[in-house]
């Protein structure tokens, strides 16, 4: 059975996004062998303009190319 949950106006009014200067830690993150990593994303146009393309990049169904790299 599929259950759906609806949010009332009161629940939605309590959402307050943080301003960039108020953020202290990343909202999401990746790790490669325990080391912080970042996700690189290229649009289709950017991907086509690259002279050297990373061989480990993966195409995402949303129409972008992605690659995970250790943060420096």
PDB file of N, CA and C in Angstrom:
ATOM      1  N   UNK A   1       0.839  -1.170   0.000  1.00  0.00           N
ATOM      2  CA  UNK A   1       0.000   0.000   0.000  1.00  0.00           C
ATOM      3  C   UNK A   1       0.887   1.237   0.000  1.00  0.00           C
ATOM      4  N   UNK A   2       0.513   2.226  -0.758  1.00  0.00           N
ATOM      5  CA  UNK A   2       1.280   3.465  -0.847  1.00  0.00           C
ATOM      6  C   UNK A   2       0.634   4.514   0.046  1.00  0.00           C
ATOM      7  N   UNK A   3       1.435   5.080   0.931  1.00  0.00           N
ATOM      8  CA  UNK A   3       0.940   6.131   1.804  1.00  0.00           C
ATOM      9  C   UNK A   3       1.497   7.460   1.325  1.00  0.00           C
ATOM     10  N   UNK A   4       0.673   8.445   1.272  1.00  0.00           N
ATOM     11  CA  UNK A   4       1.134   9.782   0.907  1.00  0.00           C
ATOM     12  C   UNK A   4       0.945  10.693   2.100  1.00  0.00           C
ATOM     13  N   UNK A   5       1.833  11.614   2.233  1.00  0.00           N
ATOM     14  CA  UNK A   5       1.775  12.554   3.345  1.00  0.00           C
ATOM     15  C   UNK A   5       1.674  13.954   2.773  1.00  0.00           C
ATOM     16  N   UNK A   6       0.706  14.669   3.212  1.00  0.00           N
ATOM     17  CA  UNK A   6       0.522  16.036   2.734  1.00  0.00           C
ATOM     18  C   UNK A   6       0.952  17.009   3.818  1.00  0.00           C
ATOM     19  N   UNK A   7       1.573  18.090   3.395  1.00  0.00           N
ATOM     20  CA  UNK A   7       1.999  19.115   4.342  1.00  0.00           C
ATOM     21  C   UNK A   7       0.969  20.234   4.329  1.00  0.00           C
ATOM     22  N   UNK A   8       0.598  20.667   5.505  1.00  0.00           N
ATOM     23  CA  UNK A   8      -0.336  21.777   5.593  1.00  0.00           C
ATOM     24  C   UNK A   8       0.418  23.089   5.463  1.00  0.00           C
ATOM     25  N   UNK A   9      -0.311  24.159   5.326  1.00  0.00           N
ATOM     26  CA  UNK A   9       0.312  25.479   5.213  1.00  0.00           C
ATOM     27  C   UNK A   9       1.157  25.818   6.428  1.00  0.00           C
ATOM     28  N   UNK A  10       0.727  25.389   7.618  1.00  0.00           N
ATOM     29  CA  UNK A  10       1.479  25.679   8.840  1.00  0.00           C
ATOM     30  C   UNK A  10       2.841  24.986   8.821  1.00  0.00           C
ATOM     31  N   UNK A  11       2.895  23.749   8.336  1.00  0.00           N
ATOM     32  CA  UNK A  11       4.168  23.025   8.283  1.00  0.00           C
ATOM     33  C   UNK A  11       5.112  23.659   7.272  1.00  0.00           C
ATOM     34  N   UNK A  12       4.569  24.114   6.170  1.00  0.00           N
ATOM     35  CA  UNK A  12       5.426  24.719   5.152  1.00  0.00           C
ATOM     36  C   UNK A  12       5.905  26.101   5.562  1.00  0.00           C
ATOM     37  N   UNK A  13       5.147  26.797   6.390  1.00  0.00           N
ATOM     38  CA  UNK A  13       5.549  28.142   6.790  1.00  0.00           C
ATOM     39  C   UNK A  13       6.741  28.125   7.742  1.00  0.00           C
ATOM     40  N   UNK A  14       7.029  26.976   8.366  1.00  0.00           N
ATOM     41  CA  UNK A  14       8.142  26.912   9.307  1.00  0.00           C
ATOM     42  C   UNK A  14       9.486  26.722   8.607  1.00  0.00           C
ATOM     43  N   UNK A  15       9.498  26.479   7.311  1.00  0.00           N
ATOM     44  CA  UNK A  15      10.752  26.305   6.575  1.00  0.00           C
ATOM     45  C   UNK A  15      11.402  27.662   6.352  1.00  0.00           C
ATOM     46  N   UNK A  16      12.618  27.813   6.842  1.00  0.00           N
ATOM     47  CA  UNK A  16      13.358  29.055   6.660  1.00  0.00           C
ATOM     48  C   UNK A  16      14.746  28.712   6.122  1.00  0.00           C
ATOM     49  N   UNK A  17      14.980  28.899   4.829  1.00  0.00           N
ATOM     50  CA  UNK A  17      16.317  28.587   4.301  1.00  0.00           C
ATOM     51  C   UNK A  17      17.361  29.536   4.891  1.00  0.00           C
ATOM     52  N   UNK A  18      18.554  29.011   5.094  1.00  0.00           N
ATOM     53  CA  UNK A  18      19.631  29.822   5.643  1.00  0.00           C
ATOM     54  C   UNK A  18      20.236  30.688   4.558  1.00  0.00           C
ATOM     55  N   UNK A  19      20.716  31.831   4.972  1.00  0.00           N
ATOM     56  CA  UNK A  19      21.471  32.676   4.055  1.00  0.00           C
ATOM     57  C   UNK A  19      22.863  32.067   3.913  1.00  0.00           C
ATOM     58  N   UNK A  20      23.512  32.256   2.770  1.00  0.00           N
ATOM     59  CA  UNK A  20      24.855  31.663   2.576  1.00  0.00           C
ATOM     60  C   UNK A  20      25.839  32.030   3.680  1.00  0.00           C
ATOM     61  N   UNK A  21      25.788  33.250   4.194  1.00  0.00           N
ATOM     62  CA  UNK A  21      26.747  33.644   5.226  1.00  0.00           C
ATOM     63  C   UNK A  21      26.457  32.976   6.580  1.00  0.00           C
ATOM     64  N   UNK A  22      25.246  32.419   6.755  1.00  0.00           N
ATOM     65  CA  UNK A  22      24.899  31.743   8.000  1.00  0.00           C
ATOM     66  C   UNK A  22      25.304  30.267   7.997  1.00  0.00           C
ATOM     67  N   UNK A  23      25.589  29.713   6.847  1.00  0.00           N
ATOM     68  CA  UNK A  23      25.935  28.293   6.758  1.00  0.00           C
ATOM     69  C   UNK A  23      27.336  28.058   7.290  1.00  0.00           C
ATOM     70  N   UNK A  24      27.462  27.061   8.142  1.00  0.00           N
ATOM     71  CA  UNK A  24      28.762  26.760   8.728  1.00  0.00           C
ATOM     72  C   UNK A  24      29.379  25.501   8.137  1.00  0.00           C
ATOM     73  N   UNK A  25      28.555  24.517   7.855  1.00  0.00           N
ATOM     74  CA  UNK A  25      29.049  23.244   7.340  1.00  0.00           C
ATOM     75  C   UNK A  25      28.316  22.924   6.046  1.00  0.00           C
ATOM     76  N   UNK A  26      28.913  22.125   5.195  1.00  0.00           N
ATOM     77  CA  UNK A  26      28.221  21.741   3.967  1.00  0.00           C
ATOM     78  C   UNK A  26      26.905  21.029   4.279  1.00  0.00           C
ATOM     79  N   UNK A  27      25.899  21.290   3.460  1.00  0.00           N
ATOM     80  CA  UNK A  27      24.611  20.641   3.677  1.00  0.00           C
ATOM     81  C   UNK A  27      24.642  19.189   3.238  1.00  0.00           C
ATOM     82  N   UNK A  28      25.526  18.850   2.337  1.00  0.00           N
ATOM     83  CA  UNK A  28      25.737  17.459   1.950  1.00  0.00           C
ATOM     84  C   UNK A  28      27.194  17.327   1.534  1.00  0.00           C
ATOM     85  N   UNK A  29      27.668  16.124   1.553  1.00  0.00           N
ATOM     86  CA  UNK A  29      29.061  15.936   1.192  1.00  0.00           C
ATOM     87  C   UNK A  29      29.347  14.502   0.845  1.00  0.00           C
ATOM     88  N   UNK A  30      30.470  14.307   0.221  1.00  0.00           N
ATOM     89  CA  UNK A  30      30.894  12.977  -0.175  1.00  0.00           C
ATOM     90  C   UNK A  30      32.276  12.737   0.385  1.00  0.00           C
ATOM     91  N   UNK A  31      32.634  11.481   0.470  1.00  0.00           N
ATOM     92  CA  UNK A  31      33.974  11.104   0.905  1.00  0.00           C
ATOM     93  C   UNK A  31      34.493  10.000  -0.003  1.00  0.00           C
ATOM     94  N   UNK A  32      35.778  10.068  -0.284  1.00  0.00           N
ATOM     95  CA  UNK A  32      36.466   9.021  -1.037  1.00  0.00           C
ATOM     96  C   UNK A  32      37.537   8.483  -0.105  1.00  0.00           C
ATOM     97  N   UNK A  33      37.392   7.218   0.315  1.00  0.00           N
ATOM     98  CA  UNK A  33      38.328   6.593   1.263  1.00  0.00           C
ATOM     99  C   UNK A  33      38.537   7.465   2.502  1.00  0.00           C
ATOM    100  N   UNK A  34      37.472   8.077   2.989  1.00  0.00           N
ATOM    101  CA  UNK A  34      37.536   8.890   4.189  1.00  0.00           C
ATOM    102  C   UNK A  34      37.942  10.333   3.976  1.00  0.00           C
ATOM    103  N   UNK A  35      38.347  10.697   2.770  1.00  0.00           N
ATOM    104  CA  UNK A  35      38.770  12.068   2.488  1.00  0.00           C
ATOM    105  C   UNK A  35      37.606  12.859   1.897  1.00  0.00           C
ATOM    106  N   UNK A  36      37.458  14.143   2.272  1.00  0.00           N
ATOM    107  CA  UNK A  36      36.379  14.950   1.717  1.00  0.00           C
ATOM    108  C   UNK A  36      36.481  15.008   0.190  1.00  0.00           C
ATOM    109  N   UNK A  37      35.337  14.968  -0.446  1.00  0.00           N
ATOM    110  CA  UNK A  37      35.302  15.005  -1.912  1.00  0.00           C
ATOM    111  C   UNK A  37      34.247  16.003  -2.365  1.00  0.00           C
ATOM    112  N   UNK A  38      34.330  16.384  -3.618  1.00  0.00           N
ATOM    113  CA  UNK A  38      33.327  17.281  -4.184  1.00  0.00           C
ATOM    114  C   UNK A  38      32.834  16.705  -5.492  1.00  0.00           C
ATOM    115  N   UNK A  39      31.642  17.065  -5.831  1.00  0.00           N
ATOM    116  CA  UNK A  39      31.020  16.581  -7.054  1.00  0.00           C
ATOM    117  C   UNK A  39      31.145  17.654  -8.125  1.00  0.00           C
ATOM    118  N   UNK A  40      31.762  17.314  -9.227  1.00  0.00           N
ATOM    119  CA  UNK A  40      31.878  18.223 -10.359  1.00  0.00           C
ATOM    120  C   UNK A  40      30.747  17.932 -11.330  1.00  0.00           C
ATOM    121  N   UNK A  41      30.104  18.973 -11.822  1.00  0.00           N
ATOM    122  CA  UNK A  41      28.966  18.813 -12.725  1.00  0.00           C
ATOM    123  C   UNK A  41      29.184  19.691 -13.945  1.00  0.00           C
ATOM    124  N   UNK A  42      28.983  19.103 -15.120  1.00  0.00           N
ATOM    125  CA  UNK A  42      29.072  19.840 -16.378  1.00  0.00           C
ATOM    126  C   UNK A  42      27.738  19.761 -17.100  1.00  0.00           C
ATOM    127  N   UNK A  43      27.300  20.870 -17.669  1.00  0.00           N
ATOM    128  CA  UNK A  43      26.112  20.835 -18.517  1.00  0.00           C
ATOM    129  C   UNK A  43      26.493  20.143 -19.828  1.00  0.00           C
ATOM    130  N   UNK A  44      25.518  19.820 -20.621  1.00  0.00           N
ATOM    131  CA  UNK A  44      25.790  19.162 -21.900  1.00  0.00           C
ATOM    132  C   UNK A  44      26.684  20.038 -22.781  1.00  0.00           C
ATOM    133  N   UNK A  45      26.402  21.347 -22.777  1.00  0.00           N
ATOM    134  CA  UNK A  45      27.198  22.272 -23.596  1.00  0.00           C
ATOM    135  C   UNK A  45      28.639  22.360 -23.093  1.00  0.00           C
ATOM    136  N   UNK A  46      28.812  22.445 -21.761  1.00  0.00           N
ATOM    137  CA  UNK A  46      30.162  22.497 -21.191  1.00  0.00           C
ATOM    138  C   UNK A  46      30.920  21.216 -21.506  1.00  0.00           C
ATOM    139  N   UNK A  47      30.238  20.080 -21.431  1.00  0.00           N
ATOM    140  CA  UNK A  47      30.867  18.790 -21.694  1.00  0.00           C
ATOM    141  C   UNK A  47      31.378  18.718 -23.131  1.00  0.00           C
ATOM    142  N   UNK A  48      30.573  19.193 -24.056  1.00  0.00           N
ATOM    143  CA  UNK A  48      30.970  19.149 -25.466  1.00  0.00           C
ATOM    144  C   UNK A  48      32.148  20.059 -25.759  1.00  0.00           C
ATOM    145  N   UNK A  49      32.310  21.134 -24.973  1.00  0.00           N
ATOM    146  CA  UNK A  49      33.411  22.072 -25.198  1.00  0.00           C
ATOM    147  C   UNK A  49      34.718  21.641 -24.544  1.00  0.00           C
ATOM    148  N   UNK A  50      34.694  20.640 -23.658  1.00  0.00           N
ATOM    149  CA  UNK A  50      35.918  20.183 -23.005  1.00  0.00           C
ATOM    150  C   UNK A  50      36.853  19.533 -24.015  1.00  0.00           C
ATOM    151  N   UNK A  51      38.115  19.921 -23.962  1.00  0.00           N
ATOM    152  CA  UNK A  51      39.102  19.295 -24.839  1.00  0.00           C
ATOM    153  C   UNK A  51      39.504  17.925 -24.310  1.00  0.00           C
ATOM    154  N   UNK A  52      39.659  17.826 -22.985  1.00  0.00           N
ATOM    155  CA  UNK A  52      39.989  16.558 -22.341  1.00  0.00           C
ATOM    156  C   UNK A  52      38.857  16.240 -21.373  1.00  0.00           C
ATOM    157  N   UNK A  53      38.204  15.109 -21.611  1.00  0.00           N
ATOM    158  CA  UNK A  53      37.074  14.710 -20.769  1.00  0.00           C
ATOM    159  C   UNK A  53      37.512  13.628 -19.798  1.00  0.00           C
ATOM    160  N   UNK A  54      37.097  13.742 -18.524  1.00  0.00           N
ATOM    161  CA  UNK A  54      37.457  12.708 -17.551  1.00  0.00           C
ATOM    162  C   UNK A  54      36.839  11.367 -17.930  1.00  0.00           C
ATOM    163  N   UNK A  55      37.644  10.314 -17.895  1.00  0.00           N
ATOM    164  CA  UNK A  55      37.142   9.006 -18.322  1.00  0.00           C
ATOM    165  C   UNK A  55      36.201   8.382 -17.298  1.00  0.00           C
ATOM    166  N   UNK A  56      36.247   8.875 -16.051  1.00  0.00           N
ATOM    167  CA  UNK A  56      35.377   8.304 -15.026  1.00  0.00           C
ATOM    168  C   UNK A  56      34.081   9.088 -14.827  1.00  0.00           C
ATOM    169  N   UNK A  57      33.846  10.126 -15.618  1.00  0.00           N
ATOM    170  CA  UNK A  57      32.604  10.893 -15.492  1.00  0.00           C
ATOM    171  C   UNK A  57      31.427  10.038 -15.938  1.00  0.00           C
ATOM    172  N   UNK A  58      30.286  10.310 -15.325  1.00  0.00           N
ATOM    173  CA  UNK A  58      29.083   9.551 -15.645  1.00  0.00           C
ATOM    174  C   UNK A  58      27.982  10.494 -16.089  1.00  0.00           C
ATOM    175  N   UNK A  59      27.214  10.047 -17.066  1.00  0.00           N
ATOM    176  CA  UNK A  59      26.086  10.835 -17.548  1.00  0.00           C
ATOM    177  C   UNK A  59      24.892  10.618 -16.633  1.00  0.00           C
ATOM    178  N   UNK A  60      24.262  11.692 -16.213  1.00  0.00           N
ATOM    179  CA  UNK A  60      23.077  11.612 -15.361  1.00  0.00           C
ATOM    180  C   UNK A  60      21.834  11.831 -16.217  1.00  0.00           C
ATOM    181  N   UNK A  61      20.743  11.124 -15.941  1.00  0.00           N
ATOM    182  CA  UNK A  61      19.531  11.264 -16.753  1.00  0.00           C
ATOM    183  C   UNK A  61      18.964  12.687 -16.815  1.00  0.00           C
ATOM    184  N   UNK A  62      19.374  13.567 -15.905  1.00  0.00           N
ATOM    185  CA  UNK A  62      18.906  14.950 -15.968  1.00  0.00           C
ATOM    186  C   UNK A  62      19.623  15.747 -17.051  1.00  0.00           C
ATOM    187  N   UNK A  63      20.558  15.128 -17.743  1.00  0.00           N
ATOM    188  CA  UNK A  63      21.231  15.784 -18.852  1.00  0.00           C
ATOM    189  C   UNK A  63      22.542  16.446 -18.493  1.00  0.00           C
ATOM    190  N   UNK A  64      23.171  16.022 -17.400  1.00  0.00           N
ATOM    191  CA  UNK A  64      24.461  16.588 -17.007  1.00  0.00           C
ATOM    192  C   UNK A  64      25.480  15.463 -16.843  1.00  0.00           C
ATOM    193  N   UNK A  65      26.754  15.809 -16.870  1.00  0.00           N
ATOM    194  CA  UNK A  65      27.840  14.867 -16.626  1.00  0.00           C
ATOM    195  C   UNK A  65      28.402  15.153 -15.247  1.00  0.00           C
ATOM    196  N   UNK A  66      28.753  14.114 -14.487  1.00  0.00           N
ATOM    197  CA  UNK A  66      29.220  14.257 -13.112  1.00  0.00           C
ATOM    198  C   UNK A  66      30.499  13.438 -12.890  1.00  0.00           C
ATOM    199  N   UNK A  67      31.354  13.961 -12.001  1.00  0.00           N
ATOM    200  CA  UNK A  67      32.539  13.227 -11.585  1.00  0.00           C
ATOM    201  C   UNK A  67      32.837  13.591 -10.137  1.00  0.00           C
ATOM    202  N   UNK A  68      33.255  12.627  -9.350  1.00  0.00           N
ATOM    203  CA  UNK A  68      33.583  12.847  -7.947  1.00  0.00           C
ATOM    204  C   UNK A  68      35.098  12.985  -7.804  1.00  0.00           C
ATOM    205  N   UNK A  69      35.540  14.023  -7.092  1.00  0.00           N
ATOM    206  CA  UNK A  69      36.963  14.292  -6.929  1.00  0.00           C
ATOM    207  C   UNK A  69      37.289  14.563  -5.471  1.00  0.00           C
ATOM    208  N   UNK A  70      38.484  14.148  -5.034  1.00  0.00           N
ATOM    209  CA  UNK A  70      38.950  14.472  -3.677  1.00  0.00           C
ATOM    210  C   UNK A  70      39.144  15.970  -3.590  1.00  0.00           C
ATOM    211  N   UNK A  71      38.585  16.592  -2.536  1.00  0.00           N
ATOM    212  CA  UNK A  71      38.709  18.042  -2.353  1.00  0.00           C
ATOM    213  C   UNK A  71      40.135  18.391  -1.969  1.00  0.00           C
ATOM    214  N   UNK A  72      40.651  19.435  -2.538  1.00  0.00           N
ATOM    215  CA  UNK A  72      42.034  19.854  -2.263  1.00  0.00           C
ATOM    216  C   UNK A  72      42.051  21.035  -1.337  1.00  0.00           C
TER     217      UNK A  72
END
